[in-house]
Amino acid sequence: KRVDATHTTLDYYFHGDPGGNIPSWLANSVVEENPLKLLQNFHDLVKLERYQGKKFAFIK
């Protein structure tokens, strides 16, 4: 969701259904590490030339 001209909010959802309990190490990894890695990778991707000046209808 766009906050202003230079800020956006991002909701990160994870759903796991292994048919039982999720091990704590996996849950902790998903909660603590994955969102940061996702944002770091996204930060690098948006700098690529192919995304500069692009508009996408699905992004408001």
Protein backbone atom coordinates (compact mmCIF):
# COMPACT_ATOMS: atom_id res chain seq x y z
CA LYS A 1 0.00 0.00 0.00
CA ARG A 2 1.39 3.39 -0.96
CA VAL A 3 1.94 5.69 2.01
CA ASP A 4 3.35 8.66 0.12
CA ALA A 5 5.59 9.40 -2.87
CA THR A 6 8.58 7.57 -1.40
CA HIS A 7 7.12 5.08 1.09
CA THR A 8 5.12 1.88 0.77
CA THR A 9 3.83 -0.55 3.37
CA LEU A 10 4.24 -4.26 2.83
CA ASP A 11 2.33 -7.06 4.51
CA TYR A 12 4.18 -10.38 4.61
CA TYR A 13 2.15 -13.51 5.20
CA PHE A 14 3.39 -17.05 5.58
CA HIS A 15 1.22 -20.12 5.73
CA GLY A 16 2.65 -23.50 6.57
CA ASP A 17 0.65 -26.69 6.89
CA PRO A 18 3.02 -29.61 7.31
CA GLY A 19 0.24 -31.80 8.67
CA GLY A 20 1.37 -31.31 12.24
CA ASN A 21 3.50 -29.03 14.35
CA ILE A 22 5.94 -26.67 12.68
CA PRO A 23 9.40 -27.01 14.24
CA SER A 24 10.40 -23.90 16.18
CA TRP A 25 13.60 -23.45 14.14
CA LEU A 26 11.53 -23.27 10.95
CA ALA A 27 8.97 -20.89 12.39
CA ASN A 28 11.72 -18.64 13.76
CA SER A 29 13.52 -18.66 10.42
CA VAL A 30 10.38 -17.63 8.56
CA VAL A 31 9.52 -14.89 11.05
CA GLU A 32 12.99 -13.45 11.57
CA GLU A 33 15.06 -14.06 8.45
CA ASN A 34 12.85 -14.41 5.39
CA PRO A 35 11.16 -10.98 5.43
CA LEU A 36 14.55 -9.25 5.66
CA LYS A 37 16.02 -11.39 2.87
CA LEU A 38 12.96 -10.71 0.71
CA LEU A 39 13.31 -6.95 1.14
CA GLN A 40 17.07 -7.02 0.53
CA ASN A 41 16.57 -8.96 -2.70
CA PHE A 42 13.71 -6.70 -3.75
CA HIS A 43 15.88 -3.64 -3.08
CA ASP A 44 18.51 -5.03 -5.46
CA LEU A 45 15.97 -6.01 -8.12
CA VAL A 46 14.26 -2.64 -8.38
CA LYS A 47 17.60 -1.04 -9.22
CA LEU A 48 17.87 -3.08 -12.43
CA GLU A 49 17.51 -1.09 -15.64
CA ARG A 50 14.57 -3.17 -16.87
CA TYR A 51 12.43 -1.89 -13.96
CA GLN A 52 13.35 1.80 -14.19
CA GLY A 53 10.44 4.05 -15.14
CA LYS A 54 8.01 1.13 -15.36
CA LYS A 55 4.36 1.31 -14.39
CA PHE A 56 2.36 -1.78 -13.49
CA ALA A 57 -1.44 -1.74 -13.49
CA PHE A 58 -1.58 -4.09 -10.49
CA ILE A 59 0.48 -1.68 -8.35
CA LYS A 60 -1.54 1.28 -7.13
